[in-house]
């Protein structure tokens, strides 16, 4: 039984080596990413300006900006009306 296990491990190792050698280096290396502070989308740190402009002008990003602005307005409105929750709500 242990000989079969060792044989399978060797075959697995050889298959993984063939797989890695058949793929271009760029496709299996992990891309460097950062997170957009507004909408939490992943952005590549090497993205070109056009791609970044498309992201910042996109519906998802702009929608999060509107949501945050509306939340800030509601918080101010609630605070000015004295309806703020001060204990367990």
Protein backbone atom coordinates (compact mmCIF):
# COMPACT_ATOMS: atom_id res chain seq x y z
CA UNK A 1 0.00 0.00 0.00
CA UNK A 2 2.77 2.47 0.87
CA UNK A 3 4.47 1.80 -2.49
CA UNK A 4 1.26 2.75 -4.29
CA UNK A 5 1.02 5.95 -2.27
CA UNK A 6 4.62 6.91 -3.08
CA UNK A 7 4.04 6.12 -6.75
CA UNK A 8 0.92 8.32 -6.84
CA UNK A 9 2.77 11.17 -5.11
CA UNK A 10 5.54 11.00 -7.71
CA UNK A 11 2.99 11.02 -10.54
CA UNK A 12 1.20 13.99 -8.95
CA UNK A 13 4.46 15.90 -8.59
CA UNK A 14 5.40 15.19 -12.22
CA UNK A 15 1.95 16.28 -13.45
CA UNK A 16 2.15 19.53 -11.46
CA UNK A 17 5.58 20.24 -12.94
CA UNK A 18 4.29 19.69 -16.48
CA UNK A 19 1.32 21.94 -15.79
CA UNK A 20 3.50 24.77 -14.47
CA UNK A 21 5.90 24.49 -17.38
CA UNK A 22 3.08 24.60 -19.95
CA UNK A 23 1.62 27.87 -18.62
CA UNK A 24 3.16 31.30 -19.24
CA UNK A 25 4.72 32.79 -16.12
CA UNK A 26 2.34 35.77 -16.02
CA UNK A 27 -0.81 33.66 -15.82
CA UNK A 28 -0.02 31.77 -12.65
CA UNK A 29 1.76 34.49 -10.71
CA UNK A 30 -0.46 36.33 -8.29
CA UNK A 31 -1.34 39.83 -9.43
CA UNK A 32 -0.59 42.74 -7.09
CA UNK A 33 -3.92 44.27 -6.06
CA UNK A 34 -5.18 47.07 -3.87
CA UNK A 35 -8.68 47.77 -2.60
CA UNK A 36 -10.66 50.85 -3.63
CA UNK A 37 -11.49 52.76 -0.44
CA UNK A 38 -14.89 53.84 -1.78
CA UNK A 39 -16.41 50.67 -3.21
CA UNK A 40 -14.00 47.91 -2.05
CA UNK A 41 -13.28 46.72 -5.59
CA UNK A 42 -9.88 45.18 -6.32
CA UNK A 43 -7.67 47.34 -8.53
CA UNK A 44 -4.35 46.25 -10.01
CA UNK A 45 -1.45 48.41 -8.87
CA UNK A 46 -0.08 48.37 -12.43
CA UNK A 47 -3.38 49.27 -14.14
CA UNK A 48 -3.12 51.96 -16.78
CA UNK A 49 -4.79 55.35 -16.43
CA UNK A 50 -7.62 54.46 -18.81
CA UNK A 51 -8.62 51.43 -16.74
CA UNK A 52 -8.53 53.45 -13.50
CA UNK A 53 -10.59 56.23 -15.09
CA UNK A 54 -13.15 53.62 -16.20
CA UNK A 55 -13.33 52.31 -12.63
CA UNK A 56 -13.72 55.73 -10.97
CA UNK A 57 -16.40 56.72 -13.49
CA UNK A 58 -18.23 53.41 -13.21
CA UNK A 59 -21.77 52.90 -11.88
CA UNK A 60 -20.71 50.85 -8.87
CA UNK A 61 -18.09 53.35 -7.68
CA UNK A 62 -20.33 56.37 -8.23
CA UNK A 63 -23.26 54.57 -6.60
CA UNK A 64 -21.24 54.00 -3.43
CA UNK A 65 -20.33 57.69 -3.36
CA UNK A 66 -24.05 58.64 -3.56
CA UNK A 67 -24.95 56.15 -0.83
CA UNK A 68 -22.27 57.56 1.49
CA UNK A 69 -23.39 61.14 0.80
CA UNK A 70 -27.03 60.25 1.52
CA UNK A 71 -26.00 58.47 4.74
CA UNK A 72 -24.11 61.57 5.87
CA UNK A 73 -27.15 63.76 5.09
CA UNK A 74 -29.45 61.42 7.05
CA UNK A 75 -27.10 61.37 10.03
CA UNK A 76 -27.03 65.18 10.10
CA UNK A 77 -30.81 65.32 9.74
CA UNK A 78 -31.39 62.84 12.54
CA UNK A 79 -28.90 64.59 14.82
CA UNK A 80 -30.51 67.99 14.21
CA UNK A 81 -34.00 66.60 14.92
CA UNK A 82 -32.86 65.09 18.21
CA UNK A 83 -33.92 61.62 17.11
CA UNK A 84 -30.50 60.08 17.55
CA UNK A 85 -30.42 56.73 19.29
CA UNK A 86 -28.24 56.96 22.39
CA UNK A 87 -28.88 53.54 23.94
CA UNK A 88 -29.73 50.04 22.70
CA UNK A 89 -31.98 50.55 19.67
